[in-house]
Amino acid sequence: MIELFLDAIWVEKGLSDSTLSSYGRDLNLFARWCALQPVTLKAVDEIQLRDYLAFRLERQKSSARSTARFLSCCRGFYAYWLREGAVNHDPVALIENPKQGRPLPKSLTEADVEALLSAPDVEDAIGLRDRTMLEVLYACGLRVSELVGLHLGDVNLRQGVVRVTGKGGKERLIPLGDEAAQWLLRYVKQSRPQLLKSASDVVFPSLRGKQMTRQTFWHRIKHWSQVAGINKDLSPHTLRHAFATHLINHGADLRVVQLLLGHSDLSTTQIYTHVAIERMKSLHGEHHPRA
């Protein structure tokens, strides 16, 4: 029942592998809890679901964010099986999502970004590849899955753009900028042929000559942050946040940033205006004589 649902929403909504994995894990844990009651996923009612939410909170210390994800998963699960006629009620219908705070995304200063970009040894094939990946990531604000999934046909150096396929299979064109385009041209000519072990159109191959995983690049960026002396918890998404924050700081229109990031909802992008405001407050407090 769970697997059939996951297959169906993958086709219907084009959810990412990580989201599907999270949904599957949430539903399987819920199913195990139900079996101890005993009740089946088909028969569980609102009271039992609320009991499970309390269990998640007390025993598993679940956050509001993970609870909201679980409820979103359940809504899709029971809505799907109602349509299919496999269940006759929706236990989630009257349950509201927990209120979530909106923590400001962690970002980097422009000086931090410069230090990070300069960390790799570009005379080395791996170093040049990593420098180019960092440049493209920061220049375009890509998700890490979009970066490692780039193929040669997605890059148009003549026009200076990359085509990426984001969440839900939506495509968007993003300007590279002169700096990233120059690094990409140098990398494709010098390093990429050394890294390939067989014919492939992947832009950034791993040491094995295949498409790099998200986890591998996460380790690469952690390594270069240590080399650069950046004492912050860094991930590839941090550079995406820096891309958006720095654009807003320099006066970019919010809707343009929304398009570049591939956000379907402007409210998702608006968090970066709060980051910019907090930055201005910090600078005011640091430098104004009457702050």
C-alpha atoms as a PDB file:
ATOM      1  CA  MET A   1       0.000   0.000   0.000  1.00  0.00           C
ATOM      2  CA  ILE A   2       2.780   2.415   0.884  1.00  0.00           C
ATOM      3  CA  GLU A   3       4.893   1.515  -2.145  1.00  0.00           C
ATOM      4  CA  LEU A   4       1.934   1.866  -4.511  1.00  0.00           C
ATOM      5  CA  PHE A   5       1.221   5.334  -3.099  1.00  0.00           C
ATOM      6  CA  LEU A   6       4.881   6.425  -3.455  1.00  0.00           C
ATOM      7  CA  ASP A   7       4.981   5.210  -7.056  1.00  0.00           C
ATOM      8  CA  ALA A   8       1.754   7.075  -7.803  1.00  0.00           C
ATOM      9  CA  ILE A   9       2.827  10.457  -6.363  1.00  0.00           C
ATOM     10  CA  TRP A  10       6.212  10.153  -8.043  1.00  0.00           C
ATOM     11  CA  VAL A  11       4.382   9.986 -11.365  1.00  0.00           C
ATOM     12  CA  GLU A  12       1.773  12.616 -10.453  1.00  0.00           C
ATOM     13  CA  LYS A  13       3.941  15.226  -8.734  1.00  0.00           C
ATOM     14  CA  GLY A  14       7.506  14.462  -9.776  1.00  0.00           C
ATOM     15  CA  LEU A  15       8.769  14.614  -6.192  1.00  0.00           C
ATOM     16  CA  SER A  16      12.492  14.360  -5.559  1.00  0.00           C
ATOM     17  CA  ASP A  17      14.102  11.107  -4.413  1.00  0.00           C
ATOM     18  CA  SER A  18      14.866  12.633  -1.006  1.00  0.00           C
ATOM     19  CA  THR A  19      11.215  13.666  -0.486  1.00  0.00           C
ATOM     20  CA  LEU A  20       9.964  10.231  -1.526  1.00  0.00           C
ATOM     21  CA  SER A  21      12.468   8.614   0.830  1.00  0.00           C
ATOM     22  CA  SER A  22      11.265  10.806   3.710  1.00  0.00           C
ATOM     23  CA  TYR A  23       7.617  10.017   2.946  1.00  0.00           C
ATOM     24  CA  GLY A  24       8.356   6.302   2.811  1.00  0.00           C
ATOM     25  CA  ARG A  25      10.226   6.402   6.115  1.00  0.00           C
ATOM     26  CA  ASP A  26       7.431   8.394   7.803  1.00  0.00           C
ATOM     27  CA  LEU A  27       4.705   6.043   6.599  1.00  0.00           C
ATOM     28  CA  ASN A  28       6.598   2.882   7.521  1.00  0.00           C
ATOM     29  CA  LEU A  29       7.232   4.173  11.060  1.00  0.00           C
ATOM     30  CA  PHE A  30       3.540   5.067  11.348  1.00  0.00           C
ATOM     31  CA  ALA A  31       2.539   1.610  10.079  1.00  0.00           C
ATOM     32  CA  ARG A  32       4.742  -0.076  12.712  1.00  0.00           C
ATOM     33  CA  TRP A  33       3.162   2.014  15.459  1.00  0.00           C
ATOM     34  CA  CYS A  34      -0.315   1.165  14.150  1.00  0.00           C
ATOM     35  CA  ALA A  35       0.471  -2.557  14.220  1.00  0.00           C
ATOM     36  CA  LEU A  36       1.162  -2.312  17.968  1.00  0.00           C
ATOM     37  CA  GLN A  37      -2.255  -0.753  18.736  1.00  0.00           C
ATOM     38  CA  PRO A  38      -3.410  -2.919  16.823  1.00  0.00           C
ATOM     39  CA  VAL A  39      -4.934  -1.084  13.857  1.00  0.00           C
ATOM     40  CA  THR A  40      -4.142  -0.892  10.149  1.00  0.00           C
ATOM     41  CA  LEU A  41      -3.260   2.192   8.133  1.00  0.00           C
ATOM     42  CA  LYS A  42      -6.615   1.803   6.360  1.00  0.00           C
ATOM     43  CA  ALA A  43      -8.608   1.798   9.583  1.00  0.00           C
ATOM     44  CA  VAL A  44      -6.748   4.358  11.717  1.00  0.00           C
ATOM     45  CA  ASP A  45      -8.966   7.214  12.916  1.00  0.00           C
ATOM     46  CA  GLU A  46      -8.328  10.834  13.924  1.00  0.00           C
ATOM     47  CA  ILE A  47      -7.953  10.038  17.640  1.00  0.00           C
ATOM     48  CA  GLN A  48      -5.358   7.348  16.949  1.00  0.00           C
ATOM     49  CA  LEU A  49      -3.506   9.659  14.590  1.00  0.00           C
ATOM     50  CA  ARG A  50      -3.418  12.349  17.282  1.00  0.00           C
ATOM     51  CA  ASP A  51      -2.080   9.717  19.704  1.00  0.00           C
ATOM     52  CA  TYR A  52       0.693   8.969  17.226  1.00  0.00           C
ATOM     53  CA  LEU A  53       1.526  12.676  16.895  1.00  0.00           C
ATOM     54  CA  ALA A  54       1.823  12.849  20.689  1.00  0.00           C
ATOM     55  CA  PHE A  55       4.066   9.776  20.606  1.00  0.00           C
ATOM     56  CA  ARG A  56       6.284  11.411  17.977  1.00  0.00           C
ATOM     57  CA  LEU A  57       6.554  14.544  20.086  1.00  0.00           C
ATOM     58  CA  GLU A  58       7.198  12.844  23.447  1.00  0.00           C
ATOM     59  CA  ARG A  59       9.280   9.830  22.483  1.00  0.00           C
ATOM     60  CA  GLN A  60      10.964  10.881  19.245  1.00  0.00           C
ATOM     61  CA  LYS A  61      11.246  14.628  20.001  1.00  0.00           C
ATOM     62  CA  SER A  62       9.922  15.440  16.541  1.00  0.00           C
ATOM     63  CA  SER A  63      10.201  19.045  15.421  1.00  0.00           C
ATOM     64  CA  ALA A  64       7.314  21.108  14.097  1.00  0.00           C
ATOM     65  CA  ARG A  65       8.914  20.915  10.664  1.00  0.00           C
ATOM     66  CA  SER A  66       9.096  17.106  10.591  1.00  0.00           C
ATOM     67  CA  THR A  67       5.539  16.855  11.969  1.00  0.00           C
ATOM     68  CA  ALA A  68       4.266  19.145   9.213  1.00  0.00           C
ATOM     69  CA  ARG A  69       6.048  16.978   6.633  1.00  0.00           C
ATOM     70  CA  PHE A  70       4.492  13.832   8.114  1.00  0.00           C
ATOM     71  CA  LEU A  71       0.999  15.353   8.024  1.00  0.00           C
ATOM     72  CA  SER A  72       1.523  16.507   4.443  1.00  0.00           C
ATOM     73  CA  CYS A  73       2.516  12.963   3.553  1.00  0.00           C
ATOM     74  CA  CYS A  74      -0.565  11.554   5.322  1.00  0.00           C
ATOM     75  CA  ARG A  75      -2.870  13.986   3.527  1.00  0.00           C
ATOM     76  CA  GLY A  76      -1.558  12.810   0.196  1.00  0.00           C
ATOM     77  CA  PHE A  77      -1.685   9.170   1.285  1.00  0.00           C
ATOM     78  CA  TYR A  78      -5.322   9.183   2.417  1.00  0.00           C
ATOM     79  CA  ALA A  79      -6.481  11.465  -0.408  1.00  0.00           C
ATOM     80  CA  TYR A  80      -4.989   9.025  -2.909  1.00  0.00           C
ATOM     81  CA  TRP A  81      -6.602   5.945  -1.338  1.00  0.00           C
ATOM     82  CA  LEU A  82      -9.946   7.739  -1.001  1.00  0.00           C
ATOM     83  CA  ARG A  83      -9.875   8.345  -4.764  1.00  0.00           C
ATOM     84  CA  GLU A  84      -8.983   4.700  -5.312  1.00  0.00           C
ATOM     85  CA  GLY A  85     -11.787   3.543  -3.002  1.00  0.00           C
ATOM     86  CA  ALA A  86      -9.435   1.656  -0.676  1.00  0.00           C
ATOM     87  CA  VAL A  87     -10.398   3.736   2.414  1.00  0.00           C
ATOM     88  CA  ASN A  88     -13.659   5.432   3.349  1.00  0.00           C
ATOM     89  CA  HIS A  89     -12.429   8.217   5.664  1.00  0.00           C
ATOM     90  CA  ASP A  90      -9.577  10.709   6.048  1.00  0.00           C
ATOM     91  CA  PRO A  91      -8.137  10.824   9.587  1.00  0.00           C
ATOM     92  CA  VAL A  92      -6.077  13.917   8.746  1.00  0.00           C
ATOM     93  CA  ALA A  93      -8.965  16.100   7.564  1.00  0.00           C
ATOM     94  CA  LEU A  94      -9.467  18.030  10.831  1.00  0.00           C
ATOM     95  CA  ILE A  95      -5.835  18.091  11.983  1.00  0.00           C
ATOM     96  CA  GLU A  96      -3.956  21.352  11.474  1.00  0.00           C
ATOM     97  CA  ASN A  97      -0.259  21.665  10.866  1.00  0.00           C
ATOM     98  CA  PRO A  98       1.837  22.833  13.826  1.00  0.00           C
ATOM     99  CA  LYS A  99       2.948  26.436  13.707  1.00  0.00           C
ATOM    100  CA  GLN A 100       6.523  26.733  12.529  1.00  0.00           C
ATOM    101  CA  GLY A 101       8.966  29.513  13.089  1.00  0.00           C
ATOM    102  CA  ARG A 102      10.825  30.707  10.050  1.00  0.00           C
ATOM    103  CA  PRO A 103      14.510  30.606  10.933  1.00  0.00           C
ATOM    104  CA  LEU A 104      16.653  32.824   8.771  1.00  0.00           C
ATOM    105  CA  PRO A 105      18.766  30.765   6.364  1.00  0.00           C
ATOM    106  CA  LYS A 106      22.463  30.585   7.147  1.00  0.00           C
ATOM    107  CA  SER A 107      24.474  32.554   4.652  1.00  0.00           C
ATOM    108  CA  LEU A 108      28.011  33.727   3.962  1.00  0.00           C
ATOM    109  CA  THR A 109      29.484  37.185   3.676  1.00  0.00           C
ATOM    110  CA  GLU A 110      30.871  38.191   0.313  1.00  0.00           C
ATOM    111  CA  ALA A 111      34.362  37.936   1.831  1.00  0.00           C
ATOM    112  CA  ASP A 112      33.601  34.374   2.973  1.00  0.00           C
ATOM    113  CA  VAL A 113      32.494  33.462  -0.549  1.00  0.00           C
ATOM    114  CA  GLU A 114      35.664  34.908  -2.061  1.00  0.00           C
ATOM    115  CA  ALA A 115      37.780  32.914   0.404  1.00  0.00           C
ATOM    116  CA  LEU A 116      35.876  29.710  -0.365  1.00  0.00           C
ATOM    117  CA  LEU A 117      36.124  30.158  -4.133  1.00  0.00           C
ATOM    118  CA  SER A 118      39.854  30.797  -3.894  1.00  0.00           C
ATOM    119  CA  ALA A 119      40.563  27.721  -1.732  1.00  0.00           C
ATOM    120  CA  PRO A 120      40.959  24.980  -4.406  1.00  0.00           C
ATOM    121  CA  ASP A 121      44.315  24.521  -6.166  1.00  0.00           C
ATOM    122  CA  VAL A 122      43.309  25.157  -9.776  1.00  0.00           C
ATOM    123  CA  GLU A 123      46.573  23.700 -11.137  1.00  0.00           C
ATOM    124  CA  ASP A 124      45.206  20.310 -10.096  1.00  0.00           C
ATOM    125  CA  ALA A 125      42.426  18.644 -12.160  1.00  0.00           C
ATOM    126  CA  ILE A 126      40.264  17.988  -9.107  1.00  0.00           C
ATOM    127  CA  GLY A 127      40.923  21.466  -7.726  1.00  0.00           C
ATOM    128  CA  LEU A 128      39.928  23.102 -11.013  1.00  0.00           C
ATOM    129  CA  ARG A 129      36.773  20.999 -11.139  1.00  0.00           C
ATOM    130  CA  ASP A 130      35.840  21.962  -7.591  1.00  0.00           C
ATOM    131  CA  ARG A 131      36.602  25.650  -8.171  1.00  0.00           C
ATOM    132  CA  THR A 132      34.367  25.596 -11.238  1.00  0.00           C
ATOM    133  CA  MET A 133      31.565  23.843  -9.358  1.00  0.00           C
ATOM    134  CA  LEU A 134      31.724  26.430  -6.578  1.00  0.00           C
ATOM    135  CA  GLU A 135      31.736  29.277  -9.108  1.00  0.00           C
ATOM    136  CA  VAL A 136      28.706  27.879 -10.954  1.00  0.00           C
ATOM    137  CA  LEU A 137      26.877  27.129  -7.706  1.00  0.00           C
ATOM    138  CA  TYR A 138      27.329  30.693  -6.441  1.00  0.00           C
ATOM    139  CA  ALA A 139      26.790  32.365  -9.825  1.00  0.00           C
ATOM    140  CA  CYS A 140      23.524  30.545 -10.503  1.00  0.00           C
ATOM    141  CA  GLY A 141      22.120  29.728  -7.052  1.00  0.00           C
ATOM    142  CA  LEU A 142      21.580  26.107  -8.006  1.00  0.00           C
ATOM    143  CA  ARG A 143      20.400  23.311  -5.764  1.00  0.00           C
ATOM    144  CA  VAL A 144      23.157  20.730  -5.344  1.00  0.00           C
ATOM    145  CA  SER A 145      21.110  18.113  -7.231  1.00  0.00           C
ATOM    146  CA  GLU A 146      20.823  20.551 -10.134  1.00  0.00           C
ATOM    147  CA  LEU A 147      24.573  21.189 -10.106  1.00  0.00           C
ATOM    148  CA  VAL A 148      25.743  17.556 -10.083  1.00  0.00           C
ATOM    149  CA  GLY A 149      23.035  16.673 -12.610  1.00  0.00           C
ATOM    150  CA  LEU A 150      24.266  19.123 -15.263  1.00  0.00           C
ATOM    151  CA  HIS A 151      25.015  17.667 -18.699  1.00  0.00           C
ATOM    152  CA  LEU A 152      26.917  19.289 -21.540  1.00  0.00           C
ATOM    153  CA  GLY A 153      23.685  19.956 -23.423  1.00  0.00           C
ATOM    154  CA  ASP A 154      22.468  22.016 -20.477  1.00  0.00           C
ATOM    155  CA  VAL A 155      25.318  24.538 -20.801  1.00  0.00           C
ATOM    156  CA  ASN A 156      25.439  27.191 -23.507  1.00  0.00           C
ATOM    157  CA  LEU A 157      28.687  29.104 -23.114  1.00  0.00           C
ATOM    158  CA  ARG A 158      28.045  31.197 -26.221  1.00  0.00           C
ATOM    159  CA  GLN A 159      24.877  32.623 -24.686  1.00  0.00           C
ATOM    160  CA  GLY A 160      26.249  32.364 -21.140  1.00  0.00           C
ATOM    161  CA  VAL A 161      23.334  30.395 -19.658  1.00  0.00           C
ATOM    162  CA  VAL A 162      22.628  27.018 -18.090  1.00  0.00           C
ATOM    163  CA  ARG A 163      19.371  25.101 -18.306  1.00  0.00           C
ATOM    164  CA  VAL A 164      18.403  23.244 -15.150  1.00  0.00           C
ATOM    165  CA  THR A 165      15.500  20.983 -14.281  1.00  0.00           C
ATOM    166  CA  GLY A 166      14.283  21.766 -10.782  1.00  0.00           C
ATOM    167  CA  LYS A 167      11.577  20.433  -8.489  1.00  0.00           C
ATOM    168  CA  GLY A 168       8.516  19.075 -10.202  1.00  0.00           C
ATOM    169  CA  GLY A 169      10.458  18.754 -13.465  1.00  0.00           C
ATOM    170  CA  LYS A 170      10.294  22.504 -14.087  1.00  0.00           C
ATOM    171  CA  GLU A 171      12.999  23.908 -16.353  1.00  0.00           C
ATOM    172  CA  ARG A 172      14.569  27.334 -16.049  1.00  0.00           C
ATOM    173  CA  LEU A 173      17.385  29.243 -17.762  1.00  0.00           C
ATOM    174  CA  ILE A 174      19.923  30.971 -15.523  1.00  0.00           C
ATOM    175  CA  PRO A 175      22.683  33.402 -16.552  1.00  0.00           C
ATOM    176  CA  LEU A 176      26.184  32.172 -15.739  1.00  0.00           C
ATOM    177  CA  GLY A 177      27.944  35.508 -15.552  1.00  0.00           C
ATOM    178  CA  ASP A 178      31.361  36.168 -17.109  1.00  0.00           C
ATOM    179  CA  GLU A 179      33.436  34.842 -14.214  1.00  0.00           C
ATOM    180  CA  ALA A 180      31.705  31.467 -13.932  1.00  0.00           C
ATOM    181  CA  ALA A 181      31.585  31.108 -17.729  1.00  0.00           C
ATOM    182  CA  GLN A 182      35.360  31.622 -17.978  1.00  0.00           C
ATOM    183  CA  TRP A 183      36.045  29.043 -15.274  1.00  0.00           C
ATOM    184  CA  LEU A 184      33.682  26.599 -16.931  1.00  0.00           C
ATOM    185  CA  LEU A 185      35.392  27.029 -20.315  1.00  0.00           C
ATOM    186  CA  ARG A 186      38.832  26.499 -18.758  1.00  0.00           C
ATOM    187  CA  TYR A 187      37.651  23.439 -16.834  1.00  0.00           C
ATOM    188  CA  VAL A 188      35.996  21.789 -19.863  1.00  0.00           C
ATOM    189  CA  LYS A 189      39.195  22.217 -21.881  1.00  0.00           C
ATOM    190  CA  GLN A 190      41.755  21.280 -19.213  1.00  0.00           C
ATOM    191  CA  SER A 191      40.374  19.118 -16.404  1.00  0.00           C
ATOM    192  CA  ARG A 192      37.253  17.368 -17.578  1.00  0.00           C
ATOM    193  CA  PRO A 193      39.023  15.168 -20.180  1.00  0.00           C
ATOM    194  CA  GLN A 194      41.412  13.958 -17.447  1.00  0.00           C
ATOM    195  CA  LEU A 195      38.563  12.975 -15.121  1.00  0.00           C
ATOM    196  CA  LEU A 196      36.434  11.065 -17.610  1.00  0.00           C
ATOM    197  CA  LYS A 197      36.988   7.286 -17.645  1.00  0.00           C
ATOM    198  CA  SER A 198      34.513   6.621 -20.455  1.00  0.00           C
ATOM    199  CA  ALA A 199      32.233   8.497 -22.816  1.00  0.00           C
ATOM    200  CA  SER A 200      29.823  10.640 -20.804  1.00  0.00           C
ATOM    201  CA  ASP A 201      28.106  13.997 -21.162  1.00  0.00           C
ATOM    202  CA  VAL A 202      28.024  14.734 -17.436  1.00  0.00           C
ATOM    203  CA  VAL A 203      29.676  18.111 -16.797  1.00  0.00           C
ATOM    204  CA  PHE A 204      31.242  17.348 -13.413  1.00  0.00           C
ATOM    205  CA  PRO A 205      32.362  13.699 -13.168  1.00  0.00           C
ATOM    206  CA  SER A 206      33.588  12.164  -9.927  1.00  0.00           C
ATOM    207  CA  LEU A 207      36.954  10.441  -9.534  1.00  0.00           C
ATOM    208  CA  ARG A 208      35.321   7.332 -10.998  1.00  0.00           C
ATOM    209  CA  GLY A 209      34.364   9.263 -14.095  1.00  0.00           C
ATOM    210  CA  LYS A 210      30.636   9.092 -13.349  1.00  0.00           C
ATOM    211  CA  GLN A 211      28.061  11.643 -12.228  1.00  0.00           C
ATOM    212  CA  MET A 212      28.975  12.946  -8.796  1.00  0.00           C
ATOM    213  CA  THR A 213      26.578  12.330  -5.918  1.00  0.00           C
ATOM    214  CA  ARG A 214      25.189  15.128  -3.756  1.00  0.00           C
ATOM    215  CA  GLN A 215      26.938  13.612  -0.747  1.00  0.00           C
ATOM    216  CA  THR A 216      30.333  13.676  -2.487  1.00  0.00           C
ATOM    217  CA  PHE A 217      30.043  17.357  -3.311  1.00  0.00           C
ATOM    218  CA  TRP A 218      28.875  18.070   0.230  1.00  0.00           C
ATOM    219  CA  HIS A 219      32.154  16.568   1.469  1.00  0.00           C
ATOM    220  CA  ARG A 220      34.122  18.592  -1.096  1.00  0.00           C
ATOM    221  CA  ILE A 221      32.592  21.889   0.028  1.00  0.00           C
ATOM    222  CA  LYS A 222      33.223  21.021   3.692  1.00  0.00           C
ATOM    223  CA  HIS A 223      36.854  20.318   2.820  1.00  0.00           C
ATOM    224  CA  TRP A 224      37.359  23.606   1.012  1.00  0.00           C
ATOM    225  CA  SER A 225      35.638  25.582   3.764  1.00  0.00           C
ATOM    226  CA  GLN A 226      38.209  24.189   6.213  1.00  0.00           C
ATOM    227  CA  VAL A 227      41.036  25.095   3.837  1.00  0.00           C
ATOM    228  CA  ALA A 228      39.593  28.619   3.556  1.00  0.00           C
ATOM    229  CA  GLY A 229      39.376  28.929   7.346  1.00  0.00           C
ATOM    230  CA  ILE A 230      35.621  29.498   7.364  1.00  0.00           C
ATOM    231  CA  ASN A 231      34.376  28.507  10.799  1.00  0.00           C
ATOM    232  CA  LYS A 232      30.746  28.037   9.849  1.00  0.00           C
ATOM    233  CA  ASP A 233      28.606  24.979   9.242  1.00  0.00           C
ATOM    234  CA  LEU A 234      28.661  24.927   5.456  1.00  0.00           C
ATOM    235  CA  SER A 235      26.674  22.932   2.930  1.00  0.00           C
ATOM    236  CA  PRO A 236      26.051  23.392  -0.806  1.00  0.00           C
ATOM    237  CA  HIS A 237      22.725  25.028   0.086  1.00  0.00           C
ATOM    238  CA  THR A 238      24.620  27.733   1.990  1.00  0.00           C
ATOM    239  CA  LEU A 239      25.976  29.047  -1.312  1.00  0.00           C
ATOM    240  CA  ARG A 240      22.450  29.062  -2.739  1.00  0.00           C
ATOM    241  CA  HIS A 241      21.401  31.190   0.223  1.00  0.00           C
ATOM    242  CA  ALA A 242      24.421  33.458  -0.305  1.00  0.00           C
ATOM    243  CA  PHE A 243      23.497  33.862  -3.989  1.00  0.00           C
ATOM    244  CA  ALA A 244      19.987  35.040  -3.101  1.00  0.00           C
ATOM    245  CA  THR A 245      21.007  37.172  -0.120  1.00  0.00           C
ATOM    246  CA  HIS A 246      23.759  38.989  -2.005  1.00  0.00           C
ATOM    247  CA  LEU A 247      21.428  39.694  -4.947  1.00  0.00           C
ATOM    248  CA  ILE A 248      18.843  41.217  -2.581  1.00  0.00           C
ATOM    249  CA  ASN A 249      21.549  43.207  -0.761  1.00  0.00           C
ATOM    250  CA  HIS A 250      22.606  44.714  -4.093  1.00  0.00           C
ATOM    251  CA  GLY A 251      19.053  45.724  -5.011  1.00  0.00           C
ATOM    252  CA  ALA A 252      17.788  42.824  -7.130  1.00  0.00           C
ATOM    253  CA  ASP A 253      14.033  42.600  -7.649  1.00  0.00           C
ATOM    254  CA  LEU A 254      12.456  39.893  -5.489  1.00  0.00           C
ATOM    255  CA  ARG A 255      10.528  38.357  -8.388  1.00  0.00           C
ATOM    256  CA  VAL A 256      13.710  38.046 -10.444  1.00  0.00           C
ATOM    257  CA  VAL A 257      15.370  36.222  -7.542  1.00  0.00           C
ATOM    258  CA  GLN A 258      12.290  33.985  -7.323  1.00  0.00           C
ATOM    259  CA  LEU A 259      12.650  33.033 -10.994  1.00  0.00           C
ATOM    260  CA  LEU A 260      16.376  32.411 -10.664  1.00  0.00           C
ATOM    261  CA  LEU A 261      15.908  30.172  -7.618  1.00  0.00           C
ATOM    262  CA  GLY A 262      12.997  28.298  -9.196  1.00  0.00           C
ATOM    263  CA  HIS A 263      10.615  29.001  -6.314  1.00  0.00           C
ATOM    264  CA  SER A 264       6.979  28.385  -7.225  1.00  0.00           C
ATOM    265  CA  ASP A 265       5.757  30.712  -4.462  1.00  0.00           C
ATOM    266  CA  LEU A 266       7.058  34.242  -3.852  1.00  0.00           C
ATOM    267  CA  SER A 267       6.585  33.798  -0.089  1.00  0.00           C
ATOM    268  CA  THR A 268       9.430  31.260  -0.131  1.00  0.00           C
ATOM    269  CA  THR A 269      11.750  33.869  -1.621  1.00  0.00           C
ATOM    270  CA  GLN A 270      10.653  36.624   0.779  1.00  0.00           C
ATOM    271  CA  ILE A 271      12.726  35.089   3.581  1.00  0.00           C
ATOM    272  CA  TYR A 272      15.755  36.693   1.923  1.00  0.00           C
ATOM    273  CA  THR A 273      14.333  40.175   2.447  1.00  0.00           C
ATOM    274  CA  HIS A 274      14.366  39.400   6.188  1.00  0.00           C
ATOM    275  CA  VAL A 275      18.002  38.346   5.893  1.00  0.00           C
ATOM    276  CA  ALA A 276      18.817  41.663   4.217  1.00  0.00           C
ATOM    277  CA  ILE A 277      16.945  43.605   6.921  1.00  0.00           C
ATOM    278  CA  GLU A 278      18.793  41.762   9.684  1.00  0.00           C
ATOM    279  CA  ARG A 279      22.068  42.542   7.898  1.00  0.00           C
ATOM    280  CA  MET A 280      21.184  46.256   7.747  1.00  0.00           C
ATOM    281  CA  LYS A 281      20.273  46.257  11.440  1.00  0.00           C
ATOM    282  CA  SER A 282      23.589  44.629  12.264  1.00  0.00           C
ATOM    283  CA  LEU A 283      25.555  47.180  10.240  1.00  0.00           C
ATOM    284  CA  HIS A 284      23.566  50.039  11.767  1.00  0.00           C
ATOM    285  CA  GLY A 285      24.181  48.759  15.275  1.00  0.00           C
ATOM    286  CA  GLU A 286      27.876  48.326  14.590  1.00  0.00           C
ATOM    287  CA  HIS A 287      28.606  51.656  12.929  1.00  0.00           C
ATOM    288  CA  HIS A 288      25.993  54.266  13.880  1.00  0.00           C
ATOM    289  CA  PRO A 289      27.085  56.456  16.833  1.00  0.00           C
ATOM    290  CA  ARG A 290      23.593  56.420  18.377  1.00  0.00           C
ATOM    291  CA  ALA A 291      22.653  52.812  17.670  1.00  0.00           C
END
